[in-house]
Protein backbone atom coordinates (compact mmCIF):
# COMPACT_ATOMS: atom_id res chain seq x y z
CA UNK A 1 0.00 0.00 0.00
CA UNK A 2 1.31 3.41 -0.99
CA UNK A 3 1.40 6.46 1.20
CA UNK A 4 0.83 8.93 -1.62
CA UNK A 5 -2.04 9.98 -3.84
CA UNK A 6 -2.69 12.59 -6.49
CA UNK A 7 -5.19 15.38 -5.96
CA UNK A 8 -6.44 17.74 -8.64
CA UNK A 9 -8.50 20.75 -7.72
CA UNK A 10 -10.61 21.11 -10.84
CA UNK A 11 -11.46 24.24 -12.87
CA UNK A 12 -14.87 24.72 -11.21
CA UNK A 13 -13.34 24.88 -7.75
CA UNK A 14 -10.73 27.40 -8.93
CA UNK A 15 -13.39 29.53 -10.64
CA UNK A 16 -15.37 29.56 -7.39
CA UNK A 17 -12.37 30.51 -5.23
CA UNK A 18 -12.09 27.28 -3.23
CA UNK A 19 -8.35 26.52 -3.49
CA UNK A 20 -7.51 27.77 0.00
CA UNK A 21 -10.48 26.09 1.67
CA UNK A 22 -9.74 22.76 -0.02
CA UNK A 23 -6.03 22.87 0.87
CA UNK A 24 -6.92 23.72 4.47
CA UNK A 25 -9.30 20.73 4.71
CA UNK A 26 -6.68 18.44 3.16
CA UNK A 27 -3.90 19.49 5.54
CA UNK A 28 -6.25 19.45 8.54
CA UNK A 29 -7.06 15.83 7.65
CA UNK A 30 -3.38 14.99 8.15
CA UNK A 31 -2.16 14.98 4.55
CA UNK A 32 1.26 16.45 3.83
CA UNK A 33 1.76 18.21 0.49
CA UNK A 34 4.78 16.70 -1.27
CA UNK A 35 4.34 18.56 -4.59
CA UNK A 36 2.01 21.35 -5.70
CA UNK A 37 1.46 23.31 -8.91
CA UNK A 38 -1.03 25.52 -10.70
CA UNK A 39 -1.24 24.44 -14.33
CA UNK A 40 -3.62 24.16 -17.24
CA UNK A 41 -4.25 21.03 -19.26
CA UNK A 42 -4.19 21.11 -23.05
CA UNK A 43 -6.74 19.02 -24.93
CA UNK A 44 -4.00 16.43 -25.60
CA UNK A 45 -3.08 16.39 -21.89
CA UNK A 46 -6.67 15.85 -20.80
CA UNK A 47 -7.30 13.17 -23.43
CA UNK A 48 -4.16 11.36 -22.28
CA UNK A 49 -4.90 11.67 -18.56
CA UNK A 50 -8.50 10.47 -18.97
CA UNK A 51 -7.84 7.88 -21.73
CA UNK A 52 -9.45 5.15 -19.60
CA UNK A 53 -12.77 6.94 -20.20
CA UNK A 54 -12.27 7.42 -23.96
CA UNK A 55 -15.20 5.17 -24.92
CA UNK A 56 -17.60 6.67 -22.39
CA UNK A 57 -20.28 9.10 -23.60
CA UNK A 58 -19.09 11.83 -21.22
CA UNK A 59 -15.46 11.82 -22.46
CA UNK A 60 -15.78 14.94 -24.67
CA UNK A 61 -17.53 16.91 -21.92
CA UNK A 62 -14.86 15.82 -19.42
CA UNK A 63 -12.04 16.97 -21.70
CA UNK A 64 -13.79 20.30 -22.35
CA UNK A 65 -14.37 20.83 -18.64
CA UNK A 66 -10.83 19.97 -17.58
CA UNK A 67 -9.29 22.27 -20.21
CA UNK A 68 -11.51 25.31 -19.67
CA UNK A 69 -9.31 26.75 -16.93
CA UNK A 70 -6.38 26.05 -14.66
CA UNK A 71 -6.21 23.26 -12.12
CA UNK A 72 -4.11 22.66 -9.03
CA UNK A 73 -2.26 19.34 -8.98
CA UNK A 74 -0.74 17.98 -5.79
CA UNK A 75 0.91 14.86 -4.47
CA UNK A 76 -0.36 14.17 -0.97
CA UNK A 77 1.25 11.92 1.60
CA UNK A 78 -0.35 10.10 4.50
CA UNK A 79 -0.62 6.50 5.63
CA UNK A 80 -3.36 4.87 3.49
CA UNK A 81 -3.37 8.02 1.35
CA UNK A 82 -5.55 6.77 -1.53
CA UNK A 83 -8.32 5.37 0.63
CA UNK A 84 -8.27 8.20 3.17
CA UNK A 85 -8.35 10.84 0.44
CA UNK A 86 -11.22 9.08 -1.37
CA UNK A 87 -13.14 9.24 1.92
CA UNK A 88 -12.30 12.94 2.32
CA UNK A 89 -13.46 13.88 -1.18
CA UNK A 90 -16.74 11.96 -0.99
CA UNK A 91 -19.04 10.52 -3.63
CA UNK A 92 -18.75 11.64 -7.26
CA UNK A 93 -22.31 12.92 -6.97
CA UNK A 94 -22.19 15.78 -4.45
CA UNK A 95 -25.86 15.23 -3.61
CA UNK A 96 -24.89 11.76 -2.31
CA UNK A 97 -21.61 12.80 -0.69
CA UNK A 98 -21.28 12.63 3.08
CA UNK A 99 -21.52 15.87 5.06
CA UNK A 100 -18.17 17.61 5.42
CA UNK A 101 -16.58 15.96 2.38
CA UNK A 102 -14.91 18.14 -0.23
CA UNK A 103 -17.48 17.35 -2.89
CA UNK A 104 -20.41 17.98 -0.54
CA UNK A 105 -18.89 21.34 0.35
CA UNK A 106 -17.52 22.53 -2.99
CA UNK A 107 -18.94 20.55 -5.96
CA UNK A 108 -21.99 21.61 -7.92
CA UNK A 109 -22.72 18.44 -9.94
CA UNK A 110 -21.40 15.02 -10.92
CA UNK A 111 -19.64 16.58 -13.89
CA UNK A 112 -18.24 19.55 -11.98
CA UNK A 113 -17.22 17.81 -8.81
CA UNK A 114 -14.39 20.09 -7.62
CA UNK A 115 -11.70 17.50 -6.83
CA UNK A 116 -10.05 14.43 -8.32
CA UNK A 117 -8.37 11.77 -6.22
CA UNK A 118 -6.52 8.68 -7.43
CA UNK A 119 -8.59 5.50 -7.20
CA UNK A 120 -5.72 3.04 -6.56
CA UNK A 121 -2.09 2.99 -5.49
CA UNK A 122 -1.08 2.05 -9.04
CA UNK A 123 -3.01 4.98 -10.55
CA UNK A 124 -1.66 7.33 -7.88
CA UNK A 125 1.89 6.60 -9.06
CA UNK A 126 0.94 6.96 -12.74
CA UNK A 127 -1.01 10.18 -12.16
CA UNK A 128 1.69 11.73 -9.97
CA UNK A 129 4.25 11.08 -12.71
CA UNK A 130 1.94 12.71 -15.26
CA UNK A 131 2.22 16.03 -13.40
CA UNK A 132 5.50 15.95 -11.48
CA UNK A 133 9.11 15.07 -12.18
CA UNK A 134 11.17 13.60 -9.34
CA UNK A 135 12.87 16.95 -8.72
CA UNK A 136 9.49 18.59 -8.11
CA UNK A 137 8.65 16.23 -5.24
CA UNK A 138 9.66 17.05 -1.69
C-alpha atoms as a PDB file:
ATOM      1  CA  UNK A   1       0.000   0.000   0.000  1.00  0.00           C
ATOM      2  CA  UNK A   2       1.306   3.410  -0.993  1.00  0.00           C
ATOM      3  CA  UNK A   3       1.398   6.456   1.203  1.00  0.00           C
ATOM      4  CA  UNK A   4       0.831   8.935  -1.622  1.00  0.00           C
ATOM      5  CA  UNK A   5      -2.044   9.983  -3.841  1.00  0.00           C
ATOM      6  CA  UNK A   6      -2.688  12.591  -6.486  1.00  0.00           C
ATOM      7  CA  UNK A   7      -5.189  15.384  -5.963  1.00  0.00           C
ATOM      8  CA  UNK A   8      -6.440  17.737  -8.639  1.00  0.00           C
ATOM      9  CA  UNK A   9      -8.496  20.747  -7.716  1.00  0.00           C
ATOM     10  CA  UNK A  10     -10.613  21.109 -10.841  1.00  0.00           C
ATOM     11  CA  UNK A  11     -11.463  24.240 -12.865  1.00  0.00           C
ATOM     12  CA  UNK A  12     -14.869  24.719 -11.212  1.00  0.00           C
ATOM     13  CA  UNK A  13     -13.336  24.883  -7.750  1.00  0.00           C
ATOM     14  CA  UNK A  14     -10.734  27.402  -8.933  1.00  0.00           C
ATOM     15  CA  UNK A  15     -13.393  29.526 -10.640  1.00  0.00           C
ATOM     16  CA  UNK A  16     -15.374  29.564  -7.389  1.00  0.00           C
ATOM     17  CA  UNK A  17     -12.365  30.515  -5.228  1.00  0.00           C
ATOM     18  CA  UNK A  18     -12.093  27.285  -3.233  1.00  0.00           C
ATOM     19  CA  UNK A  19      -8.352  26.522  -3.489  1.00  0.00           C
ATOM     20  CA  UNK A  20      -7.508  27.772   0.001  1.00  0.00           C
ATOM     21  CA  UNK A  21     -10.483  26.085   1.667  1.00  0.00           C
ATOM     22  CA  UNK A  22      -9.736  22.759  -0.019  1.00  0.00           C
ATOM     23  CA  UNK A  23      -6.032  22.872   0.868  1.00  0.00           C
ATOM     24  CA  UNK A  24      -6.924  23.717   4.469  1.00  0.00           C
ATOM     25  CA  UNK A  25      -9.300  20.730   4.711  1.00  0.00           C
ATOM     26  CA  UNK A  26      -6.677  18.444   3.162  1.00  0.00           C
ATOM     27  CA  UNK A  27      -3.899  19.490   5.537  1.00  0.00           C
ATOM     28  CA  UNK A  28      -6.249  19.455   8.536  1.00  0.00           C
ATOM     29  CA  UNK A  29      -7.059  15.832   7.647  1.00  0.00           C
ATOM     30  CA  UNK A  30      -3.385  14.986   8.147  1.00  0.00           C
ATOM     31  CA  UNK A  31      -2.162  14.978   4.552  1.00  0.00           C
ATOM     32  CA  UNK A  32       1.256  16.451   3.827  1.00  0.00           C
ATOM     33  CA  UNK A  33       1.755  18.215   0.495  1.00  0.00           C
ATOM     34  CA  UNK A  34       4.777  16.701  -1.269  1.00  0.00           C
ATOM     35  CA  UNK A  35       4.337  18.559  -4.589  1.00  0.00           C
ATOM     36  CA  UNK A  36       2.008  21.349  -5.696  1.00  0.00           C
ATOM     37  CA  UNK A  37       1.456  23.313  -8.909  1.00  0.00           C
ATOM     38  CA  UNK A  38      -1.028  25.517 -10.697  1.00  0.00           C
ATOM     39  CA  UNK A  39      -1.241  24.435 -14.329  1.00  0.00           C
ATOM     40  CA  UNK A  40      -3.623  24.159 -17.240  1.00  0.00           C
ATOM     41  CA  UNK A  41      -4.248  21.027 -19.263  1.00  0.00           C
ATOM     42  CA  UNK A  42      -4.189  21.107 -23.045  1.00  0.00           C
ATOM     43  CA  UNK A  43      -6.742  19.018 -24.935  1.00  0.00           C
ATOM     44  CA  UNK A  44      -4.003  16.430 -25.602  1.00  0.00           C
ATOM     45  CA  UNK A  45      -3.081  16.393 -21.893  1.00  0.00           C
ATOM     46  CA  UNK A  46      -6.675  15.853 -20.804  1.00  0.00           C
ATOM     47  CA  UNK A  47      -7.296  13.167 -23.426  1.00  0.00           C
ATOM     48  CA  UNK A  48      -4.159  11.358 -22.277  1.00  0.00           C
ATOM     49  CA  UNK A  49      -4.900  11.674 -18.557  1.00  0.00           C
ATOM     50  CA  UNK A  50      -8.501  10.466 -18.967  1.00  0.00           C
ATOM     51  CA  UNK A  51      -7.842   7.883 -21.727  1.00  0.00           C
ATOM     52  CA  UNK A  52      -9.453   5.146 -19.599  1.00  0.00           C
ATOM     53  CA  UNK A  53     -12.772   6.944 -20.203  1.00  0.00           C
ATOM     54  CA  UNK A  54     -12.272   7.422 -23.963  1.00  0.00           C
ATOM     55  CA  UNK A  55     -15.195   5.166 -24.924  1.00  0.00           C
ATOM     56  CA  UNK A  56     -17.597   6.668 -22.394  1.00  0.00           C
ATOM     57  CA  UNK A  57     -20.282   9.096 -23.602  1.00  0.00           C
ATOM     58  CA  UNK A  58     -19.086  11.832 -21.221  1.00  0.00           C
ATOM     59  CA  UNK A  59     -15.456  11.821 -22.462  1.00  0.00           C
ATOM     60  CA  UNK A  60     -15.781  14.938 -24.666  1.00  0.00           C
ATOM     61  CA  UNK A  61     -17.527  16.909 -21.915  1.00  0.00           C
ATOM     62  CA  UNK A  62     -14.862  15.821 -19.420  1.00  0.00           C
ATOM     63  CA  UNK A  63     -12.037  16.967 -21.699  1.00  0.00           C
ATOM     64  CA  UNK A  64     -13.791  20.296 -22.348  1.00  0.00           C
ATOM     65  CA  UNK A  65     -14.374  20.835 -18.640  1.00  0.00           C
ATOM     66  CA  UNK A  66     -10.831  19.965 -17.583  1.00  0.00           C
ATOM     67  CA  UNK A  67      -9.290  22.273 -20.215  1.00  0.00           C
ATOM     68  CA  UNK A  68     -11.509  25.314 -19.673  1.00  0.00           C
ATOM     69  CA  UNK A  69      -9.315  26.755 -16.933  1.00  0.00           C
ATOM     70  CA  UNK A  70      -6.381  26.050 -14.660  1.00  0.00           C
ATOM     71  CA  UNK A  71      -6.212  23.257 -12.124  1.00  0.00           C
ATOM     72  CA  UNK A  72      -4.107  22.665  -9.027  1.00  0.00           C
ATOM     73  CA  UNK A  73      -2.259  19.345  -8.984  1.00  0.00           C
ATOM     74  CA  UNK A  74      -0.736  17.978  -5.791  1.00  0.00           C
ATOM     75  CA  UNK A  75       0.912  14.862  -4.469  1.00  0.00           C
ATOM     76  CA  UNK A  76      -0.358  14.165  -0.972  1.00  0.00           C
ATOM     77  CA  UNK A  77       1.250  11.917   1.601  1.00  0.00           C
ATOM     78  CA  UNK A  78      -0.352  10.096   4.496  1.00  0.00           C
ATOM     79  CA  UNK A  79      -0.618   6.503   5.631  1.00  0.00           C
ATOM     80  CA  UNK A  80      -3.358   4.872   3.486  1.00  0.00           C
ATOM     81  CA  UNK A  81      -3.374   8.025   1.348  1.00  0.00           C
ATOM     82  CA  UNK A  82      -5.546   6.766  -1.527  1.00  0.00           C
ATOM     83  CA  UNK A  83      -8.323   5.373   0.628  1.00  0.00           C
ATOM     84  CA  UNK A  84      -8.266   8.202   3.175  1.00  0.00           C
ATOM     85  CA  UNK A  85      -8.351  10.837   0.441  1.00  0.00           C
ATOM     86  CA  UNK A  86     -11.220   9.078  -1.369  1.00  0.00           C
ATOM     87  CA  UNK A  87     -13.138   9.238   1.915  1.00  0.00           C
ATOM     88  CA  UNK A  88     -12.305  12.941   2.325  1.00  0.00           C
ATOM     89  CA  UNK A  89     -13.464  13.880  -1.181  1.00  0.00           C
ATOM     90  CA  UNK A  90     -16.745  11.959  -0.988  1.00  0.00           C
ATOM     91  CA  UNK A  91     -19.043  10.521  -3.630  1.00  0.00           C
ATOM     92  CA  UNK A  92     -18.752  11.639  -7.263  1.00  0.00           C
ATOM     93  CA  UNK A  93     -22.308  12.921  -6.968  1.00  0.00           C
ATOM     94  CA  UNK A  94     -22.188  15.780  -4.447  1.00  0.00           C
ATOM     95  CA  UNK A  95     -25.859  15.225  -3.606  1.00  0.00           C
ATOM     96  CA  UNK A  96     -24.891  11.764  -2.312  1.00  0.00           C
ATOM     97  CA  UNK A  97     -21.606  12.802  -0.692  1.00  0.00           C
ATOM     98  CA  UNK A  98     -21.281  12.634   3.077  1.00  0.00           C
ATOM     99  CA  UNK A  99     -21.519  15.868   5.063  1.00  0.00           C
ATOM    100  CA  UNK A 100     -18.167  17.611   5.416  1.00  0.00           C
ATOM    101  CA  UNK A 101     -16.581  15.962   2.376  1.00  0.00           C
ATOM    102  CA  UNK A 102     -14.914  18.143  -0.231  1.00  0.00           C
ATOM    103  CA  UNK A 103     -17.483  17.353  -2.891  1.00  0.00           C
ATOM    104  CA  UNK A 104     -20.407  17.983  -0.541  1.00  0.00           C
ATOM    105  CA  UNK A 105     -18.890  21.343   0.353  1.00  0.00           C
ATOM    106  CA  UNK A 106     -17.516  22.533  -2.993  1.00  0.00           C
ATOM    107  CA  UNK A 107     -18.943  20.549  -5.958  1.00  0.00           C
ATOM    108  CA  UNK A 108     -21.987  21.607  -7.916  1.00  0.00           C
ATOM    109  CA  UNK A 109     -22.718  18.443  -9.945  1.00  0.00           C
ATOM    110  CA  UNK A 110     -21.399  15.023 -10.916  1.00  0.00           C
ATOM    111  CA  UNK A 111     -19.638  16.583 -13.890  1.00  0.00           C
ATOM    112  CA  UNK A 112     -18.242  19.552 -11.984  1.00  0.00           C
ATOM    113  CA  UNK A 113     -17.218  17.807  -8.805  1.00  0.00           C
ATOM    114  CA  UNK A 114     -14.394  20.089  -7.618  1.00  0.00           C
ATOM    115  CA  UNK A 115     -11.704  17.504  -6.832  1.00  0.00           C
ATOM    116  CA  UNK A 116     -10.053  14.433  -8.319  1.00  0.00           C
ATOM    117  CA  UNK A 117      -8.367  11.770  -6.221  1.00  0.00           C
ATOM    118  CA  UNK A 118      -6.521   8.685  -7.431  1.00  0.00           C
ATOM    119  CA  UNK A 119      -8.588   5.495  -7.204  1.00  0.00           C
ATOM    120  CA  UNK A 120      -5.722   3.044  -6.563  1.00  0.00           C
ATOM    121  CA  UNK A 121      -2.092   2.992  -5.487  1.00  0.00           C
ATOM    122  CA  UNK A 122      -1.085   2.051  -9.040  1.00  0.00           C
ATOM    123  CA  UNK A 123      -3.008   4.977 -10.552  1.00  0.00           C
ATOM    124  CA  UNK A 124      -1.661   7.329  -7.881  1.00  0.00           C
ATOM    125  CA  UNK A 125       1.887   6.603  -9.061  1.00  0.00           C
ATOM    126  CA  UNK A 126       0.944   6.960 -12.742  1.00  0.00           C
ATOM    127  CA  UNK A 127      -1.014  10.177 -12.163  1.00  0.00           C
ATOM    128  CA  UNK A 128       1.688  11.732  -9.971  1.00  0.00           C
ATOM    129  CA  UNK A 129       4.245  11.077 -12.706  1.00  0.00           C
ATOM    130  CA  UNK A 130       1.939  12.708 -15.261  1.00  0.00           C
ATOM    131  CA  UNK A 131       2.216  16.032 -13.397  1.00  0.00           C
ATOM    132  CA  UNK A 132       5.497  15.946 -11.485  1.00  0.00           C
ATOM    133  CA  UNK A 133       9.115  15.070 -12.178  1.00  0.00           C
ATOM    134  CA  UNK A 134      11.171  13.596  -9.336  1.00  0.00           C
ATOM    135  CA  UNK A 135      12.871  16.946  -8.718  1.00  0.00           C
ATOM    136  CA  UNK A 136       9.486  18.594  -8.113  1.00  0.00           C
ATOM    137  CA  UNK A 137       8.655  16.226  -5.235  1.00  0.00           C
ATOM    138  CA  UNK A 138       9.658  17.049  -1.689  1.00  0.00           C
END
